[in-house]
Amino acid sequence: MPKTVILSLDAPKPASAYSQAIQTGSLLFLAGQIPIDPLNGQLVTGDITAETDRVIENLRAVLNAAGASLENVLKTTVYLTDAGDFTAFNTAYARHFTDRPPARSTVVVRGLPLGARVEIEAIAELP
């Protein structure tokens, strides 16, 4: 099955050899996003809530470029650098995925690019 590269100018540009997303058939595989503001290329800092909101907005921009939305997300994988952030992260995440949230795995890792505290990757089905 052929694959199509998806690129959104409203999300951070890939920093190395990867695509923001790849579409194959009706499936969309989104690369992990960290809380980079696409307007200035800087990491959003502050609390985990601000970082989570920025990450999800980045994912939303890539989904939109493919003609999809957060409602089309089937599965996310979340990487946190501090298990103590889980409750606040979960509250922010739940504000974005309100109706039939996707399946999710959450993993605590030692570090993320640029010192980010959260990264989320996703798989979606195109409408």
C-alpha atoms as a PDB file:
ATOM      1  CA  MET A   1       0.000   0.000   0.000  1.00  0.00           C
ATOM      2  CA  PRO A   2       1.447   3.409  -0.871  1.00  0.00           C
ATOM      3  CA  LYS A   3       2.260   5.879   1.852  1.00  0.00           C
ATOM      4  CA  THR A   4       1.720   9.616   1.824  1.00  0.00           C
ATOM      5  CA  VAL A   5       3.698  12.117   3.872  1.00  0.00           C
ATOM      6  CA  ILE A   6       1.538  14.618   5.773  1.00  0.00           C
ATOM      7  CA  LEU A   7       3.016  18.020   6.584  1.00  0.00           C
ATOM      8  CA  SER A   8       1.317  20.836   8.473  1.00  0.00           C
ATOM      9  CA  LEU A   9       2.821  24.308   8.528  1.00  0.00           C
ATOM     10  CA  ASP A  10       0.853  24.870  11.760  1.00  0.00           C
ATOM     11  CA  ALA A  11       2.921  22.284  13.640  1.00  0.00           C
ATOM     12  CA  PRO A  12       6.663  22.243  14.333  1.00  0.00           C
ATOM     13  CA  LYS A  13       8.772  21.230  11.363  1.00  0.00           C
ATOM     14  CA  PRO A  14      10.467  17.847  11.734  1.00  0.00           C
ATOM     15  CA  ALA A  15      13.879  18.302  13.335  1.00  0.00           C
ATOM     16  CA  SER A  16      15.525  15.378  11.555  1.00  0.00           C
ATOM     17  CA  ALA A  17      14.764  12.434   9.262  1.00  0.00           C
ATOM     18  CA  TYR A  18      11.098  11.795  10.070  1.00  0.00           C
ATOM     19  CA  SER A  19       7.674  12.942   8.885  1.00  0.00           C
ATOM     20  CA  GLN A  20       5.009  14.601  11.001  1.00  0.00           C
ATOM     21  CA  ALA A  21       2.666  11.843   9.863  1.00  0.00           C
ATOM     22  CA  ILE A  22       2.354   9.061   7.332  1.00  0.00           C
ATOM     23  CA  GLN A  23      -0.947   8.049   5.765  1.00  0.00           C
ATOM     24  CA  THR A  24      -1.436   4.568   4.399  1.00  0.00           C
ATOM     25  CA  GLY A  25      -4.932   3.565   3.381  1.00  0.00           C
ATOM     26  CA  SER A  26      -7.306   4.957   5.981  1.00  0.00           C
ATOM     27  CA  LEU A  27      -4.714   4.951   8.763  1.00  0.00           C
ATOM     28  CA  LEU A  28      -2.634   7.911   9.871  1.00  0.00           C
ATOM     29  CA  PHE A  29       0.488   7.419  11.994  1.00  0.00           C
ATOM     30  CA  LEU A  30       1.539  10.627  13.762  1.00  0.00           C
ATOM     31  CA  ALA A  31       5.095  11.124  14.976  1.00  0.00           C
ATOM     32  CA  GLY A  32       5.567  12.112  18.584  1.00  0.00           C
ATOM     33  CA  GLN A  33       5.069  15.795  19.292  1.00  0.00           C
ATOM     34  CA  ILE A  34       6.722  17.733  22.073  1.00  0.00           C
ATOM     35  CA  PRO A  35       5.561  21.185  23.234  1.00  0.00           C
ATOM     36  CA  ILE A  36       7.266  23.309  20.602  1.00  0.00           C
ATOM     37  CA  ASP A  37       5.460  26.475  19.566  1.00  0.00           C
ATOM     38  CA  PRO A  38       5.413  26.341  15.740  1.00  0.00           C
ATOM     39  CA  LEU A  39       5.412  30.149  15.510  1.00  0.00           C
ATOM     40  CA  ASN A  40       8.781  30.659  17.179  1.00  0.00           C
ATOM     41  CA  GLY A  41      10.271  27.155  17.311  1.00  0.00           C
ATOM     42  CA  GLN A  42      10.751  27.421  21.072  1.00  0.00           C
ATOM     43  CA  LEU A  43       9.835  24.882  23.711  1.00  0.00           C
ATOM     44  CA  VAL A  44       6.780  25.929  25.721  1.00  0.00           C
ATOM     45  CA  THR A  45       7.796  25.916  29.348  1.00  0.00           C
ATOM     46  CA  GLY A  46       5.811  26.159  32.516  1.00  0.00           C
ATOM     47  CA  ASP A  47       3.669  23.496  34.036  1.00  0.00           C
ATOM     48  CA  ILE A  48       2.724  20.148  32.557  1.00  0.00           C
ATOM     49  CA  THR A  49      -0.719  21.511  31.663  1.00  0.00           C
ATOM     50  CA  ALA A  50       0.712  24.157  29.320  1.00  0.00           C
ATOM     51  CA  GLU A  51       3.050  21.608  27.762  1.00  0.00           C
ATOM     52  CA  THR A  52       0.262  19.066  27.280  1.00  0.00           C
ATOM     53  CA  ASP A  53      -2.039  21.651  25.681  1.00  0.00           C
ATOM     54  CA  ARG A  54       0.703  22.661  23.209  1.00  0.00           C
ATOM     55  CA  VAL A  55       1.487  19.043  22.314  1.00  0.00           C
ATOM     56  CA  ILE A  56      -2.175  18.314  21.605  1.00  0.00           C
ATOM     57  CA  GLU A  57      -2.520  21.491  19.528  1.00  0.00           C
ATOM     58  CA  ASN A  58       0.471  20.317  17.479  1.00  0.00           C
ATOM     59  CA  LEU A  59      -1.161  16.917  16.976  1.00  0.00           C
ATOM     60  CA  ARG A  60      -4.436  18.627  16.045  1.00  0.00           C
ATOM     61  CA  ALA A  61      -2.637  20.666  13.348  1.00  0.00           C
ATOM     62  CA  VAL A  62      -1.158  17.531  11.767  1.00  0.00           C
ATOM     63  CA  LEU A  63      -4.514  15.745  11.948  1.00  0.00           C
ATOM     64  CA  ASN A  64      -6.198  18.737  10.281  1.00  0.00           C
ATOM     65  CA  ALA A  65      -3.637  18.675   7.457  1.00  0.00           C
ATOM     66  CA  ALA A  66      -4.758  15.101   6.758  1.00  0.00           C
ATOM     67  CA  GLY A  67      -8.463  15.964   6.942  1.00  0.00           C
ATOM     68  CA  ALA A  68      -8.951  14.442  10.393  1.00  0.00           C
ATOM     69  CA  SER A  69      -9.525  15.617  13.954  1.00  0.00           C
ATOM     70  CA  LEU A  70      -8.880  14.467  17.503  1.00  0.00           C
ATOM     71  CA  GLU A  71     -12.111  12.461  17.276  1.00  0.00           C
ATOM     72  CA  ASN A  72     -10.415  10.209  14.711  1.00  0.00           C
ATOM     73  CA  VAL A  73      -7.559   9.235  17.050  1.00  0.00           C
ATOM     74  CA  LEU A  74      -7.635   5.546  17.899  1.00  0.00           C
ATOM     75  CA  LYS A  75      -4.538   5.236  20.098  1.00  0.00           C
ATOM     76  CA  THR A  76      -1.988   7.493  21.759  1.00  0.00           C
ATOM     77  CA  THR A  77       1.294   6.745  23.421  1.00  0.00           C
ATOM     78  CA  VAL A  78       2.319   9.282  26.032  1.00  0.00           C
ATOM     79  CA  TYR A  79       5.839   9.765  27.366  1.00  0.00           C
ATOM     80  CA  LEU A  80       6.247  11.669  30.642  1.00  0.00           C
ATOM     81  CA  THR A  81       9.520  12.458  32.371  1.00  0.00           C
ATOM     82  CA  ASP A  82       7.940  12.671  35.838  1.00  0.00           C
ATOM     83  CA  ALA A  83       5.287  10.263  37.142  1.00  0.00           C
ATOM     84  CA  GLY A  84       4.304  13.021  39.563  1.00  0.00           C
ATOM     85  CA  ASP A  85       2.919  14.975  36.574  1.00  0.00           C
ATOM     86  CA  PHE A  86       0.411  12.238  35.707  1.00  0.00           C
ATOM     87  CA  THR A  87      -2.663  13.671  37.448  1.00  0.00           C
ATOM     88  CA  ALA A  88      -2.252  17.188  36.022  1.00  0.00           C
ATOM     89  CA  PHE A  89      -1.368  15.745  32.607  1.00  0.00           C
ATOM     90  CA  ASN A  90      -4.451  13.526  32.666  1.00  0.00           C
ATOM     91  CA  THR A  91      -6.712  16.466  33.505  1.00  0.00           C
ATOM     92  CA  ALA A  92      -5.334  18.505  30.577  1.00  0.00           C
ATOM     93  CA  TYR A  93      -5.484  15.515  28.216  1.00  0.00           C
ATOM     94  CA  ALA A  94      -9.111  14.790  29.156  1.00  0.00           C
ATOM     95  CA  ARG A  95     -10.134  18.353  28.189  1.00  0.00           C
ATOM     96  CA  HIS A  96      -9.115  17.589  24.600  1.00  0.00           C
ATOM     97  CA  PHE A  97     -10.389  14.003  24.340  1.00  0.00           C
ATOM     98  CA  THR A  98     -13.866  14.363  25.811  1.00  0.00           C
ATOM     99  CA  ASP A  99     -16.037  11.964  23.813  1.00  0.00           C
ATOM    100  CA  ARG A 100     -14.889   8.364  23.368  1.00  0.00           C
ATOM    101  CA  PRO A 101     -11.216   8.980  24.212  1.00  0.00           C
ATOM    102  CA  PRO A 102      -8.660   6.863  22.376  1.00  0.00           C
ATOM    103  CA  ALA A 103      -6.860   3.886  23.830  1.00  0.00           C
ATOM    104  CA  ARG A 104      -3.705   5.097  25.560  1.00  0.00           C
ATOM    105  CA  SER A 105      -0.416   3.900  26.949  1.00  0.00           C
ATOM    106  CA  THR A 106       1.591   6.115  29.283  1.00  0.00           C
ATOM    107  CA  VAL A 107       5.280   5.517  29.846  1.00  0.00           C
ATOM    108  CA  VAL A 108       7.644   7.322  32.215  1.00  0.00           C
ATOM    109  CA  VAL A 109      11.003   7.959  30.560  1.00  0.00           C
ATOM    110  CA  ARG A 110      14.309   9.377  31.693  1.00  0.00           C
ATOM    111  CA  GLY A 111      14.350  12.263  29.228  1.00  0.00           C
ATOM    112  CA  LEU A 112      12.794  13.773  26.111  1.00  0.00           C
ATOM    113  CA  PRO A 113      14.198  16.039  23.373  1.00  0.00           C
ATOM    114  CA  LEU A 114      15.004  19.625  24.405  1.00  0.00           C
ATOM    115  CA  GLY A 115      14.083  18.890  28.024  1.00  0.00           C
ATOM    116  CA  ALA A 116      10.357  18.534  27.290  1.00  0.00           C
ATOM    117  CA  ARG A 117       8.283  16.912  30.009  1.00  0.00           C
ATOM    118  CA  VAL A 118       5.704  15.290  27.704  1.00  0.00           C
ATOM    119  CA  GLU A 119       5.596  13.765  24.229  1.00  0.00           C
ATOM    120  CA  ILE A 120       2.564  12.193  22.551  1.00  0.00           C
ATOM    121  CA  GLU A 121       2.356  10.096  19.393  1.00  0.00           C
ATOM    122  CA  ALA A 122      -0.897   8.893  17.847  1.00  0.00           C
ATOM    123  CA  ILE A 123      -2.605   6.596  15.387  1.00  0.00           C
ATOM    124  CA  ALA A 124      -5.821   7.790  13.743  1.00  0.00           C
ATOM    125  CA  GLU A 125      -8.313   6.512  11.215  1.00  0.00           C
ATOM    126  CA  LEU A 126      -9.199   8.997   8.514  1.00  0.00           C
ATOM    127  CA  PRO A 127     -12.885   9.847   8.085  1.00  0.00           C
END
